[in-house]
């Protein structure tokens, strides 16, 4: 992660864990998925989160 992003996260979101935005995005997407959903993950990040 870049130094700028580290600084912004510490300054603007001091109470949040690392990658909080990735987890928030995941939570929102999961609201729309079910067992029959097919999802193509193309260019949606570095793939560092499960």
PDB file of N, CA and C in Angstrom:
ATOM      1  N   UNK A   1       0.849  -1.171   0.000  1.00  0.00           N
ATOM      2  CA  UNK A   1       0.000   0.000   0.000  1.00  0.00           C
ATOM      3  C   UNK A   1       0.894   1.233   0.000  1.00  0.00           C
ATOM      4  N   UNK A   2       0.455   2.265  -0.644  1.00  0.00           N
ATOM      5  CA  UNK A   2       1.284   3.466  -0.732  1.00  0.00           C
ATOM      6  C   UNK A   2       1.280   4.237   0.583  1.00  0.00           C
ATOM      7  N   UNK A   3       2.279   5.042   0.755  1.00  0.00           N
ATOM      8  CA  UNK A   3       2.372   5.866   1.959  1.00  0.00           C
ATOM      9  C   UNK A   3       1.208   6.846   2.048  1.00  0.00           C
ATOM     10  N   UNK A   4       0.771   7.364   0.906  1.00  0.00           N
ATOM     11  CA  UNK A   4      -0.351   8.308   0.896  1.00  0.00           C
ATOM     12  C   UNK A   4      -1.633   7.640   1.375  1.00  0.00           C
ATOM     13  N   UNK A   5      -1.881   6.434   0.901  1.00  0.00           N
ATOM     14  CA  UNK A   5      -3.085   5.720   1.315  1.00  0.00           C
ATOM     15  C   UNK A   5      -3.008   5.359   2.788  1.00  0.00           C
ATOM     16  N   UNK A   6      -1.854   4.920   3.244  1.00  0.00           N
ATOM     17  CA  UNK A   6      -1.666   4.644   4.673  1.00  0.00           C
ATOM     18  C   UNK A   6      -1.990   5.875   5.509  1.00  0.00           C
ATOM     19  N   UNK A   7      -1.461   7.012   5.083  1.00  0.00           N
ATOM     20  CA  UNK A   7      -1.688   8.255   5.824  1.00  0.00           C
ATOM     21  C   UNK A   7      -3.165   8.626   5.829  1.00  0.00           C
ATOM     22  N   UNK A   8      -3.811   8.551   4.649  1.00  0.00           N
ATOM     23  CA  UNK A   8      -5.237   8.886   4.562  1.00  0.00           C
ATOM     24  C   UNK A   8      -6.076   7.987   5.460  1.00  0.00           C
ATOM     25  N   UNK A   9      -5.787   6.692   5.447  1.00  0.00           N
ATOM     26  CA  UNK A   9      -6.535   5.767   6.304  1.00  0.00           C
ATOM     27  C   UNK A   9      -6.335   6.111   7.777  1.00  0.00           C
ATOM     28  N   UNK A  10      -5.107   6.396   8.176  1.00  0.00           N
ATOM     29  CA  UNK A  10      -4.843   6.748   9.581  1.00  0.00           C
ATOM     30  C   UNK A  10      -5.501   8.070   9.964  1.00  0.00           C
ATOM     31  N   UNK A  11      -5.456   9.040   9.055  1.00  0.00           N
ATOM     32  CA  UNK A  11      -5.968  10.380   9.342  1.00  0.00           C
ATOM     33  C   UNK A  11      -7.495  10.445   9.279  1.00  0.00           C
ATOM     34  N   UNK A  12      -8.087   9.875   8.239  1.00  0.00           N
ATOM     35  CA  UNK A  12      -9.530   9.987   8.015  1.00  0.00           C
ATOM     36  C   UNK A  12     -10.346   8.877   8.662  1.00  0.00           C
ATOM     37  N   UNK A  13      -9.738   7.703   8.859  1.00  0.00           N
ATOM     38  CA  UNK A  13     -10.468   6.548   9.386  1.00  0.00           C
ATOM     39  C   UNK A  13      -9.667   5.876  10.500  1.00  0.00           C
ATOM     40  N   UNK A  14      -9.374   6.599  11.568  1.00  0.00           N
ATOM     41  CA  UNK A  14      -8.456   6.076  12.588  1.00  0.00           C
ATOM     42  C   UNK A  14      -8.968   4.845  13.340  1.00  0.00           C
ATOM     43  N   UNK A  15     -10.253   4.647  13.428  1.00  0.00           N
ATOM     44  CA  UNK A  15     -10.784   3.513  14.176  1.00  0.00           C
ATOM     45  C   UNK A  15     -11.053   2.271  13.351  1.00  0.00           C
ATOM     46  N   UNK A  16     -10.679   2.292  12.080  1.00  0.00           N
ATOM     47  CA  UNK A  16     -10.987   1.182  11.186  1.00  0.00           C
ATOM     48  C   UNK A  16      -9.757   0.305  10.956  1.00  0.00           C
ATOM     49  N   UNK A  17      -9.998  -0.968  10.727  1.00  0.00           N
ATOM     50  CA  UNK A  17      -8.904  -1.907  10.474  1.00  0.00           C
ATOM     51  C   UNK A  17      -8.376  -1.746   9.044  1.00  0.00           C
ATOM     52  N   UNK A  18      -7.271  -2.416   8.757  1.00  0.00           N
ATOM     53  CA  UNK A  18      -6.728  -2.409   7.399  1.00  0.00           C
ATOM     54  C   UNK A  18      -7.757  -2.967   6.421  1.00  0.00           C
ATOM     55  N   UNK A  19      -7.752  -2.434   5.248  1.00  0.00           N
ATOM     56  CA  UNK A  19      -8.632  -2.887   4.158  1.00  0.00           C
ATOM     57  C   UNK A  19     -10.117  -2.777   4.519  1.00  0.00           C
ATOM     58  N   UNK A  20     -10.474  -1.817   5.353  1.00  0.00           N
ATOM     59  CA  UNK A  20     -11.873  -1.666   5.757  1.00  0.00           C
ATOM     60  C   UNK A  20     -12.773  -1.427   4.551  1.00  0.00           C
ATOM     61  N   UNK A  21     -12.278  -0.713   3.549  1.00  0.00           N
ATOM     62  CA  UNK A  21     -13.100  -0.424   2.380  1.00  0.00           C
ATOM     63  C   UNK A  21     -13.357  -1.673   1.548  1.00  0.00           C
ATOM     64  N   UNK A  22     -12.386  -2.580   1.489  1.00  0.00           N
ATOM     65  CA  UNK A  22     -12.596  -3.841   0.770  1.00  0.00           C
ATOM     66  C   UNK A  22     -13.669  -4.677   1.451  1.00  0.00           C
ATOM     67  N   UNK A  23     -13.636  -4.716   2.768  1.00  0.00           N
ATOM     68  CA  UNK A  23     -14.623  -5.498   3.514  1.00  0.00           C
ATOM     69  C   UNK A  23     -16.022  -4.884   3.386  1.00  0.00           C
ATOM     70  N   UNK A  24     -16.095  -3.557   3.379  1.00  0.00           N
ATOM     71  CA  UNK A  24     -17.380  -2.881   3.197  1.00  0.00           C
ATOM     72  C   UNK A  24     -17.955  -3.186   1.814  1.00  0.00           C
ATOM     73  N   UNK A  25     -17.112  -3.111   0.794  1.00  0.00           N
ATOM     74  CA  UNK A  25     -17.546  -3.430  -0.566  1.00  0.00           C
ATOM     75  C   UNK A  25     -18.039  -4.870  -0.649  1.00  0.00           C
ATOM     76  N   UNK A  26     -17.279  -5.795  -0.056  1.00  0.00           N
ATOM     77  CA  UNK A  26     -17.665  -7.208  -0.062  1.00  0.00           C
ATOM     78  C   UNK A  26     -19.016  -7.409   0.604  1.00  0.00           C
ATOM     79  N   UNK A  27     -19.223  -6.760   1.751  1.00  0.00           N
ATOM     80  CA  UNK A  27     -20.491  -6.898   2.470  1.00  0.00           C
ATOM     81  C   UNK A  27     -21.656  -6.417   1.611  1.00  0.00           C
ATOM     82  N   UNK A  28     -21.468  -5.309   0.918  1.00  0.00           N
ATOM     83  CA  UNK A  28     -22.542  -4.775   0.073  1.00  0.00           C
ATOM     84  C   UNK A  28     -22.831  -5.690  -1.119  1.00  0.00           C
ATOM     85  N   UNK A  29     -21.803  -6.219  -1.749  1.00  0.00           N
ATOM     86  CA  UNK A  29     -21.993  -7.121  -2.892  1.00  0.00           C
ATOM     87  C   UNK A  29     -22.695  -8.404  -2.459  1.00  0.00           C
ATOM     88  N   UNK A  30     -22.319  -8.938  -1.306  1.00  0.00           N
ATOM     89  CA  UNK A  30     -22.912 -10.194  -0.840  1.00  0.00           C
ATOM     90  C   UNK A  30     -24.415 -10.088  -0.601  1.00  0.00           C
ATOM     91  N   UNK A  31     -24.929  -8.893  -0.413  1.00  0.00           N
ATOM     92  CA  UNK A  31     -26.374  -8.707  -0.241  1.00  0.00           C
ATOM     93  C   UNK A  31     -27.151  -9.141  -1.478  1.00  0.00           C
ATOM     94  N   UNK A  32     -26.503  -9.084  -2.638  1.00  0.00           N
ATOM     95  CA  UNK A  32     -27.184  -9.354  -3.906  1.00  0.00           C
ATOM     96  C   UNK A  32     -26.898 -10.737  -4.481  1.00  0.00           C
ATOM     97  N   UNK A  33     -26.081 -11.522  -3.803  1.00  0.00           N
ATOM     98  CA  UNK A  33     -25.711 -12.836  -4.313  1.00  0.00           C
ATOM     99  C   UNK A  33     -26.492 -13.937  -3.618  1.00  0.00           C
ATOM    100  N   UNK A  34     -26.695 -15.026  -4.331  1.00  0.00           N
ATOM    101  CA  UNK A  34     -27.284 -16.231  -3.741  1.00  0.00           C
ATOM    102  C   UNK A  34     -26.571 -17.443  -4.339  1.00  0.00           C
ATOM    103  N   UNK A  35     -27.021 -18.622  -4.005  1.00  0.00           N
ATOM    104  CA  UNK A  35     -26.307 -19.840  -4.417  1.00  0.00           C
ATOM    105  C   UNK A  35     -26.314 -20.057  -5.937  1.00  0.00           C
ATOM    106  N   UNK A  36     -27.202 -19.407  -6.662  1.00  0.00           N
ATOM    107  CA  UNK A  36     -27.236 -19.598  -8.112  1.00  0.00           C
ATOM    108  C   UNK A  36     -26.574 -18.435  -8.877  1.00  0.00           C
ATOM    109  N   UNK A  37     -26.022 -17.473  -8.176  1.00  0.00           N
ATOM    110  CA  UNK A  37     -25.387 -16.318  -8.812  1.00  0.00           C
ATOM    111  C   UNK A  37     -24.034 -16.694  -9.391  1.00  0.00           C
ATOM    112  N   UNK A  38     -23.776 -16.198 -10.589  1.00  0.00           N
ATOM    113  CA  UNK A  38     -22.459 -16.324 -11.208  1.00  0.00           C
ATOM    114  C   UNK A  38     -21.841 -14.933 -11.206  1.00  0.00           C
ATOM    115  N   UNK A  39     -20.648 -14.824 -10.655  1.00  0.00           N
ATOM    116  CA  UNK A  39     -19.996 -13.524 -10.527  1.00  0.00           C
ATOM    117  C   UNK A  39     -18.625 -13.570 -11.178  1.00  0.00           C
ATOM    118  N   UNK A  40     -18.372 -12.627 -12.057  1.00  0.00           N
ATOM    119  CA  UNK A  40     -17.071 -12.510 -12.691  1.00  0.00           C
ATOM    120  C   UNK A  40     -16.306 -11.397 -11.987  1.00  0.00           C
ATOM    121  N   UNK A  41     -15.193 -11.746 -11.372  1.00  0.00           N
ATOM    122  CA  UNK A  41     -14.338 -10.786 -10.677  1.00  0.00           C
ATOM    123  C   UNK A  41     -13.201 -10.421 -11.620  1.00  0.00           C
ATOM    124  N   UNK A  42     -13.367  -9.325 -12.324  1.00  0.00           N
ATOM    125  CA  UNK A  42     -12.400  -8.929 -13.338  1.00  0.00           C
ATOM    126  C   UNK A  42     -11.930  -7.501 -13.050  1.00  0.00           C
ATOM    127  N   UNK A  43     -10.678  -7.379 -12.668  1.00  0.00           N
ATOM    128  CA  UNK A  43     -10.145  -6.058 -12.402  1.00  0.00           C
ATOM    129  C   UNK A  43     -10.726  -5.397 -11.178  1.00  0.00           C
ATOM    130  N   UNK A  44     -11.090  -6.190 -10.197  1.00  0.00           N
ATOM    131  CA  UNK A  44     -11.743  -5.643  -9.002  1.00  0.00           C
ATOM    132  C   UNK A  44     -10.786  -5.565  -7.814  1.00  0.00           C
ATOM    133  N   UNK A  45      -9.520  -5.433  -8.082  1.00  0.00           N
ATOM    134  CA  UNK A  45      -8.565  -5.288  -6.996  1.00  0.00           C
ATOM    135  C   UNK A  45      -7.369  -6.198  -7.152  1.00  0.00           C
ATOM    136  N   UNK A  46      -6.522  -6.178  -6.151  1.00  0.00           N
ATOM    137  CA  UNK A  46      -5.284  -6.940  -6.197  1.00  0.00           C
ATOM    138  C   UNK A  46      -5.454  -8.406  -5.833  1.00  0.00           C
ATOM    139  N   UNK A  47      -6.613  -8.780  -5.333  1.00  0.00           N
ATOM    140  CA  UNK A  47      -6.847 -10.168  -4.962  1.00  0.00           C
ATOM    141  C   UNK A  47      -6.180 -10.551  -3.657  1.00  0.00           C
ATOM    142  N   UNK A  48      -5.969  -9.589  -2.772  1.00  0.00           N
ATOM    143  CA  UNK A  48      -5.282  -9.878  -1.525  1.00  0.00           C
ATOM    144  C   UNK A  48      -6.228 -10.260  -0.395  1.00  0.00           C
ATOM    145  N   UNK A  49      -7.540 -10.144  -0.645  1.00  0.00           N
ATOM    146  CA  UNK A  49      -8.533 -10.526   0.354  1.00  0.00           C
ATOM    147  C   UNK A  49      -9.313 -11.727  -0.139  1.00  0.00           C
ATOM    148  N   UNK A  50      -9.723 -12.584   0.762  1.00  0.00           N
ATOM    149  CA  UNK A  50     -10.496 -13.761   0.329  1.00  0.00           C
ATOM    150  C   UNK A  50     -11.881 -13.386  -0.171  1.00  0.00           C
TER     151      UNK A  50
END
